[in-house]
Amino acid sequence: MAYALTKPLTLAAFMALGLAGCNNSSQTATDEAVTEDAATTETSTNANGTLQKIKDSGTIVVGYRDSSIPFSYIADDPNQPMGYAHDLEMKVVEAVKQELNMPDLNVRYNLITSQTRIPLVQNGTVDFECGSTTNNEERQKQVGFSNGFFEIGTRLLTATDSGISTFADLADETLVTTAGTTSERYIRQYIDENQMDTNVISAKDHGEAFLMLENGRADAFMMDDVLLAGEKAKAKNPDEWVIVGEPQSFEIYGCMLRKDDPEFKAVVDKALTDVFSSGEINSIYDKWFLNPIPPKNVNLNFEMSDNLKALIADPHDSAQPKMAMAQ
C-alpha cells in the first residue's frame, strides 16, 4: 500500500477556478496544467461519483489538518497525520476498500486548512476529510457532510490572570481566532451587535492563534472548546491558561465530502455508524481525550459530553445539534 503526502493546489490555480483563500502548492506542474487537471477532475467526479473516481485512479485522496489537536495533526512524523478524526477517517478508507474490493487501494494524504478545505473537496483534489469541520447550513450549500462524529461549544482560552471570564469582558481587549472558521464569523457579528471596542485578529491556524495568545499579542483565543483544550495541553505551562465563558454556540463536526454523492456518503456514514454501534468509538475517544497523546504526551482530560453520547446513540447529519447543554 502506498501512502503519500501532498500540499494544496496553488492560489493561482484556485483563482483560475473562481475559488479563493487557498495555500501555495508544492507541486511542480504549471498553474495552467494544474487548473486544467482540477477542472477535469471536478467534471469527472460530478458525472461518475467519488467511488468511481477512486476506482478509476486506484487512489483515495484524504484531507488532513496539521494542527487541529487532537482531531487531525502532525506530531513526530511529518508524513503521518494522526488524531481522533484521523482514526475515523481511516475507518472510512477501510470501508471504501471493501466496497470497491480493492484491498491494495493507494492512500494519499493532502494538506488542507480552514480556508482551503471546501474548495479542495469541491474541485476533486481531496475525496473527503474528517478533521474539525463544522456542519452548518451555509456549508451544506457547497459540500456534503457525513453523520456527525463530535459536538463542541465555542468558548475562550485566556491567561488565568487576564481578568477575562465571559465574552462581555472582551471589550477593549484583543481577541484572536482562526481564519475561515465559524468562530471568526460569529465573534465579529457578536462584537458588532454589542458595539464592543474589541480588536479581532485572525490567525492562519490554531497553532498560530495560540502562539499569538502565548506571546501577548492577544488577550483571548476564541475557538471550539475541545481545540482550546488541545492548545492548552501543549502549552509550556498549561496551568497558566484557562477555558472560560458560556458556550456561544454548539456545533457538530462531520466528515466533508462532495455534494450530491449519495453512494459515497452511504459508505462514509456506515463506516462511522459501525464504529459507534460496536462501541469501538469509546476506545478511540479514550485514546485521544483521556490519555497522553503525542508529541508531548499531554492528557487533555476531556470527558465525553452528554451531547456527544447522544450523537453517537442517534447519528444524524443535521447542521443543528439535537441537544445543546452546557457542559
Foldseek 3Di string as FASTA:
>chain_A
DAEAEFEDDAQLLCVVVVAHDGHHGPDDDDSVVVNVVLQVLLVVCVVPNLLVVQVVVLEAEEEFEAQQPQFWHDFDDPRDIHHLQVVLVVLLVVLSCVVSVNPPRHYYYYYDFLRRVLVCQNSNVHAKYFGFAFDDPVCLVRWAWAWFQDKFFKWKKFFPPLPDAALVVQAVFEEEEAPNHPQVVVNVVVCVVVVGNYHYDHDPHPQVRVVCRVVVVGGMYIDTPLSSLRSLQPDPHSNRMDIHYWGPAMTTGTMIHGHPRVVSSVSSRVSLLVCLVVVVSVVSCCVRAVWQDPDVGTHSVDDGDPQSVVCSVPIDSDGHRPDDDTD
